[in-house]
Amino acid sequence: MSMTAVYVIGGIIIFVVFGAFVLTVNKGYGVKHKVDKIDDININNINKDKNNK
């Protein structure tokens, strides 16, 4: 095997492991955070609608 192949495979493995880590972190913390943000946006939009009417 050539050195470039070793680097490419190593890079893919690191990328996959890092990606899996980021996904698990996002599922744990990010989902709650996203839901909070979505709720805030919805509440803001509802309040604006009430004020406009």
PDB file of N, CA and C in Angstrom:
ATOM      1  N   MET A   1       0.845  -1.206   0.000  1.00  0.00           N
ATOM      2  CA  MET A   1       0.000   0.000   0.000  1.00  0.00           C
ATOM      3  C   MET A   1       0.879   1.254   0.000  1.00  0.00           C
ATOM      4  N   SER A   2       0.441   2.243  -0.729  1.00  0.00           N
ATOM      5  CA  SER A   2       1.201   3.498  -0.760  1.00  0.00           C
ATOM      6  C   SER A   2       0.842   4.357   0.449  1.00  0.00           C
ATOM      7  N   MET A   3       1.683   5.332   0.714  1.00  0.00           N
ATOM      8  CA  MET A   3       1.444   6.201   1.881  1.00  0.00           C
ATOM      9  C   MET A   3       0.181   7.028   1.702  1.00  0.00           C
ATOM     10  N   THR A   4      -0.105   7.455   0.481  1.00  0.00           N
ATOM     11  CA  THR A   4      -1.309   8.277   0.265  1.00  0.00           C
ATOM     12  C   THR A   4      -2.556   7.487   0.633  1.00  0.00           C
ATOM     13  N   ALA A   5      -2.581   6.203   0.289  1.00  0.00           N
ATOM     14  CA  ALA A   5      -3.742   5.368   0.634  1.00  0.00           C
ATOM     15  C   ALA A   5      -3.897   5.299   2.152  1.00  0.00           C
ATOM     16  N   VAL A   6      -2.785   5.165   2.859  1.00  0.00           N
ATOM     17  CA  VAL A   6      -2.831   5.116   4.326  1.00  0.00           C
ATOM     18  C   VAL A   6      -3.411   6.420   4.868  1.00  0.00           C
ATOM     19  N   TYR A   7      -2.940   7.553   4.321  1.00  0.00           N
ATOM     20  CA  TYR A   7      -3.442   8.856   4.780  1.00  0.00           C
ATOM     21  C   TYR A   7      -4.935   9.006   4.485  1.00  0.00           C
ATOM     22  N   VAL A   8      -5.359   8.600   3.296  1.00  0.00           N
ATOM     23  CA  VAL A   8      -6.766   8.731   2.908  1.00  0.00           C
ATOM     24  C   VAL A   8      -7.636   7.895   3.829  1.00  0.00           C
ATOM     25  N   ILE A   9      -7.248   6.631   4.059  1.00  0.00           N
ATOM     26  CA  ILE A   9      -8.044   5.748   4.920  1.00  0.00           C
ATOM     27  C   ILE A   9      -8.075   6.306   6.340  1.00  0.00           C
ATOM     28  N   GLY A  10      -6.928   6.751   6.837  1.00  0.00           N
ATOM     29  CA  GLY A  10      -6.867   7.352   8.171  1.00  0.00           C
ATOM     30  C   GLY A  10      -7.771   8.568   8.278  1.00  0.00           C
ATOM     31  N   GLY A  11      -7.730   9.393   7.249  1.00  0.00           N
ATOM     32  CA  GLY A  11      -8.573  10.593   7.239  1.00  0.00           C
ATOM     33  C   GLY A  11     -10.047  10.241   7.260  1.00  0.00           C
ATOM     34  N   ILE A  12     -10.423   9.220   6.475  1.00  0.00           N
ATOM     35  CA  ILE A  12     -11.833   8.799   6.440  1.00  0.00           C
ATOM     36  C   ILE A  12     -12.253   8.299   7.820  1.00  0.00           C
ATOM     37  N   ILE A  13     -11.397   7.489   8.446  1.00  0.00           N
ATOM     38  CA  ILE A  13     -11.735   6.942   9.771  1.00  0.00           C
ATOM     39  C   ILE A  13     -11.915   8.086  10.765  1.00  0.00           C
ATOM     40  N   ILE A  14     -10.973   9.029  10.769  1.00  0.00           N
ATOM     41  CA  ILE A  14     -11.065  10.170  11.696  1.00  0.00           C
ATOM     42  C   ILE A  14     -12.350  10.948  11.417  1.00  0.00           C
ATOM     43  N   PHE A  15     -12.632  11.173  10.128  1.00  0.00           N
ATOM     44  CA  PHE A  15     -13.824  11.935   9.739  1.00  0.00           C
ATOM     45  C   PHE A  15     -15.086  11.243  10.236  1.00  0.00           C
ATOM     46  N   VAL A  16     -15.156   9.912  10.055  1.00  0.00           N
ATOM     47  CA  VAL A  16     -16.346   9.151  10.465  1.00  0.00           C
ATOM     48  C   VAL A  16     -16.506   9.202  11.981  1.00  0.00           C
ATOM     49  N   VAL A  17     -15.398   8.985  12.703  1.00  0.00           N
ATOM     50  CA  VAL A  17     -15.461   8.995  14.175  1.00  0.00           C
ATOM     51  C   VAL A  17     -15.878  10.378  14.661  1.00  0.00           C
ATOM     52  N   PHE A  18     -15.262  11.419  14.089  1.00  0.00           N
ATOM     53  CA  PHE A  18     -15.580  12.793  14.492  1.00  0.00           C
ATOM     54  C   PHE A  18     -17.037  13.116  14.160  1.00  0.00           C
ATOM     55  N   GLY A  19     -17.487  12.694  12.983  1.00  0.00           N
ATOM     56  CA  GLY A  19     -18.873  12.924  12.575  1.00  0.00           C
ATOM     57  C   GLY A  19     -19.846  12.245  13.524  1.00  0.00           C
ATOM     58  N   ALA A  20     -19.546  11.009  13.909  1.00  0.00           N
ATOM     59  CA  ALA A  20     -20.418  10.278  14.842  1.00  0.00           C
ATOM     60  C   ALA A  20     -20.444  10.996  16.190  1.00  0.00           C
ATOM     61  N   PHE A  21     -19.295  11.479  16.624  1.00  0.00           N
ATOM     62  CA  PHE A  21     -19.206  12.201  17.905  1.00  0.00           C
ATOM     63  C   PHE A  21     -20.053  13.475  17.852  1.00  0.00           C
ATOM     64  N   VAL A  22     -19.916  14.216  16.768  1.00  0.00           N
ATOM     65  CA  VAL A  22     -20.676  15.468  16.620  1.00  0.00           C
ATOM     66  C   VAL A  22     -22.171  15.165  16.614  1.00  0.00           C
ATOM     67  N   LEU A  23     -22.566  14.107  15.905  1.00  0.00           N
ATOM     68  CA  LEU A  23     -23.990  13.754  15.834  1.00  0.00           C
ATOM     69  C   LEU A  23     -24.535  13.417  17.216  1.00  0.00           C
ATOM     70  N   THR A  24     -23.777  12.617  17.991  1.00  0.00           N
ATOM     71  CA  THR A  24     -24.268  12.231  19.322  1.00  0.00           C
ATOM     72  C   THR A  24     -24.377  13.466  20.209  1.00  0.00           C
ATOM     73  N   VAL A  25     -23.403  14.373  20.110  1.00  0.00           N
ATOM     74  CA  VAL A  25     -23.453  15.598  20.917  1.00  0.00           C
ATOM     75  C   VAL A  25     -24.666  16.430  20.503  1.00  0.00           C
ATOM     76  N   ASN A  26     -24.882  16.543  19.190  1.00  0.00           N
ATOM     77  CA  ASN A  26     -26.011  17.326  18.691  1.00  0.00           C
ATOM     78  C   ASN A  26     -27.329  16.719  19.144  1.00  0.00           C
ATOM     79  N   LYS A  27     -27.432  15.380  19.122  1.00  0.00           N
ATOM     80  CA  LYS A  27     -28.665  14.725  19.568  1.00  0.00           C
ATOM     81  C   LYS A  27     -28.902  15.016  21.047  1.00  0.00           C
ATOM     82  N   GLY A  28     -27.827  14.949  21.842  1.00  0.00           N
ATOM     83  CA  GLY A  28     -27.976  15.162  23.280  1.00  0.00           C
ATOM     84  C   GLY A  28     -28.319  16.596  23.616  1.00  0.00           C
ATOM     85  N   TYR A  29     -27.503  17.535  23.135  1.00  0.00           N
ATOM     86  CA  TYR A  29     -27.660  18.946  23.520  1.00  0.00           C
ATOM     87  C   TYR A  29     -28.412  19.739  22.450  1.00  0.00           C
ATOM     88  N   GLY A  30     -28.026  19.518  21.191  1.00  0.00           N
ATOM     89  CA  GLY A  30     -28.510  20.356  20.102  1.00  0.00           C
ATOM     90  C   GLY A  30     -30.013  20.273  19.897  1.00  0.00           C
ATOM     91  N   VAL A  31     -30.578  19.071  20.038  1.00  0.00           N
ATOM     92  CA  VAL A  31     -32.011  18.906  19.765  1.00  0.00           C
ATOM     93  C   VAL A  31     -32.814  19.747  20.745  1.00  0.00           C
ATOM     94  N   LYS A  32     -32.472  19.673  22.031  1.00  0.00           N
ATOM     95  CA  LYS A  32     -33.178  20.493  23.028  1.00  0.00           C
ATOM     96  C   LYS A  32     -33.044  21.972  22.663  1.00  0.00           C
ATOM     97  N   HIS A  33     -31.832  22.360  22.284  1.00  0.00           N
ATOM     98  CA  HIS A  33     -31.556  23.760  21.956  1.00  0.00           C
ATOM     99  C   HIS A  33     -32.379  24.181  20.737  1.00  0.00           C
ATOM    100  N   LYS A  34     -32.411  23.313  19.715  1.00  0.00           N
ATOM    101  CA  LYS A  34     -33.162  23.625  18.494  1.00  0.00           C
ATOM    102  C   LYS A  34     -34.645  23.752  18.815  1.00  0.00           C
ATOM    103  N   VAL A  35     -35.162  22.844  19.628  1.00  0.00           N
ATOM    104  CA  VAL A  35     -36.584  22.883  19.980  1.00  0.00           C
ATOM    105  C   VAL A  35     -36.891  24.193  20.692  1.00  0.00           C
ATOM    106  N   ASP A  36     -36.005  24.590  21.622  1.00  0.00           N
ATOM    107  CA  ASP A  36     -36.198  25.864  22.328  1.00  0.00           C
ATOM    108  C   ASP A  36     -36.260  27.011  21.326  1.00  0.00           C
ATOM    109  N   LYS A  37     -35.330  27.007  20.371  1.00  0.00           N
ATOM    110  CA  LYS A  37     -35.285  28.099  19.390  1.00  0.00           C
ATOM    111  C   LYS A  37     -36.561  28.102  18.562  1.00  0.00           C
ATOM    112  N   ILE A  38     -37.008  26.917  18.120  1.00  0.00           N
ATOM    113  CA  ILE A  38     -38.223  26.827  17.305  1.00  0.00           C
ATOM    114  C   ILE A  38     -39.413  27.348  18.109  1.00  0.00           C
ATOM    115  N   ASP A  39     -39.508  26.961  19.375  1.00  0.00           N
ATOM    116  CA  ASP A  39     -40.592  27.443  20.242  1.00  0.00           C
ATOM    117  C   ASP A  39     -40.537  28.960  20.347  1.00  0.00           C
ATOM    118  N   ASP A  40     -39.339  29.505  20.558  1.00  0.00           N
ATOM    119  CA  ASP A  40     -39.188  30.961  20.670  1.00  0.00           C
ATOM    120  C   ASP A  40     -39.686  31.642  19.399  1.00  0.00           C
ATOM    121  N   ILE A  41     -39.276  31.100  18.252  1.00  0.00           N
ATOM    122  CA  ILE A  41     -39.663  31.699  16.964  1.00  0.00           C
ATOM    123  C   ILE A  41     -41.185  31.639  16.821  1.00  0.00           C
ATOM    124  N   ASN A  42     -41.775  30.486  17.135  1.00  0.00           N
ATOM    125  CA  ASN A  42     -43.228  30.343  17.019  1.00  0.00           C
ATOM    126  C   ASN A  42     -43.939  31.315  17.946  1.00  0.00           C
ATOM    127  N   ILE A  43     -43.463  31.437  19.176  1.00  0.00           N
ATOM    128  CA  ILE A  43     -44.096  32.339  20.148  1.00  0.00           C
ATOM    129  C   ILE A  43     -43.989  33.773  19.642  1.00  0.00           C
ATOM    130  N   ASN A  44     -42.806  34.143  19.136  1.00  0.00           N
ATOM    131  CA  ASN A  44     -42.614  35.503  18.618  1.00  0.00           C
ATOM    132  C   ASN A  44     -43.568  35.772  17.471  1.00  0.00           C
ATOM    133  N   ASN A  45     -43.710  34.805  16.560  1.00  0.00           N
ATOM    134  CA  ASN A  45     -44.591  34.994  15.408  1.00  0.00           C
ATOM    135  C   ASN A  45     -46.036  35.130  15.868  1.00  0.00           C
ATOM    136  N   ILE A  46     -46.455  34.327  16.839  1.00  0.00           N
ATOM    137  CA  ILE A  46     -47.828  34.377  17.343  1.00  0.00           C
ATOM    138  C   ILE A  46     -48.076  35.748  17.976  1.00  0.00           C
ATOM    139  N   ASN A  47     -47.111  36.218  18.776  1.00  0.00           N
ATOM    140  CA  ASN A  47     -47.258  37.526  19.421  1.00  0.00           C
ATOM    141  C   ASN A  47     -47.358  38.635  18.382  1.00  0.00           C
ATOM    142  N   LYS A  48     -46.523  38.561  17.335  1.00  0.00           N
ATOM    143  CA  LYS A  48     -46.570  39.579  16.283  1.00  0.00           C
ATOM    144  C   LYS A  48     -47.932  39.560  15.605  1.00  0.00           C
ATOM    145  N   ASP A  49     -48.450  38.346  15.334  1.00  0.00           N
ATOM    146  CA  ASP A  49     -49.758  38.232  14.679  1.00  0.00           C
ATOM    147  C   ASP A  49     -50.828  38.886  15.542  1.00  0.00           C
ATOM    148  N   LYS A  50     -50.808  38.624  16.835  1.00  0.00           N
ATOM    149  CA  LYS A  50     -51.814  39.203  17.746  1.00  0.00           C
ATOM    150  C   LYS A  50     -51.721  40.718  17.738  1.00  0.00           C
ATOM    151  N   ASN A  51     -50.477  41.242  17.750  1.00  0.00           N
ATOM    152  CA  ASN A  51     -50.285  42.696  17.778  1.00  0.00           C
ATOM    153  C   ASN A  51     -50.768  43.326  16.474  1.00  0.00           C
ATOM    154  N   ASN A  52     -50.554  42.625  15.364  1.00  0.00           N
ATOM    155  CA  ASN A  52     -50.918  43.189  14.057  1.00  0.00           C
ATOM    156  C   ASN A  52     -52.432  43.252  13.881  1.00  0.00           C
ATOM    157  N   LYS A  53     -53.146  42.302  14.478  1.00  0.00           N
ATOM    158  CA  LYS A  53     -54.598  42.238  14.250  1.00  0.00           C
ATOM    159  C   LYS A  53     -55.326  43.310  15.024  1.00  0.00           C
TER     160      LYS A  53
END
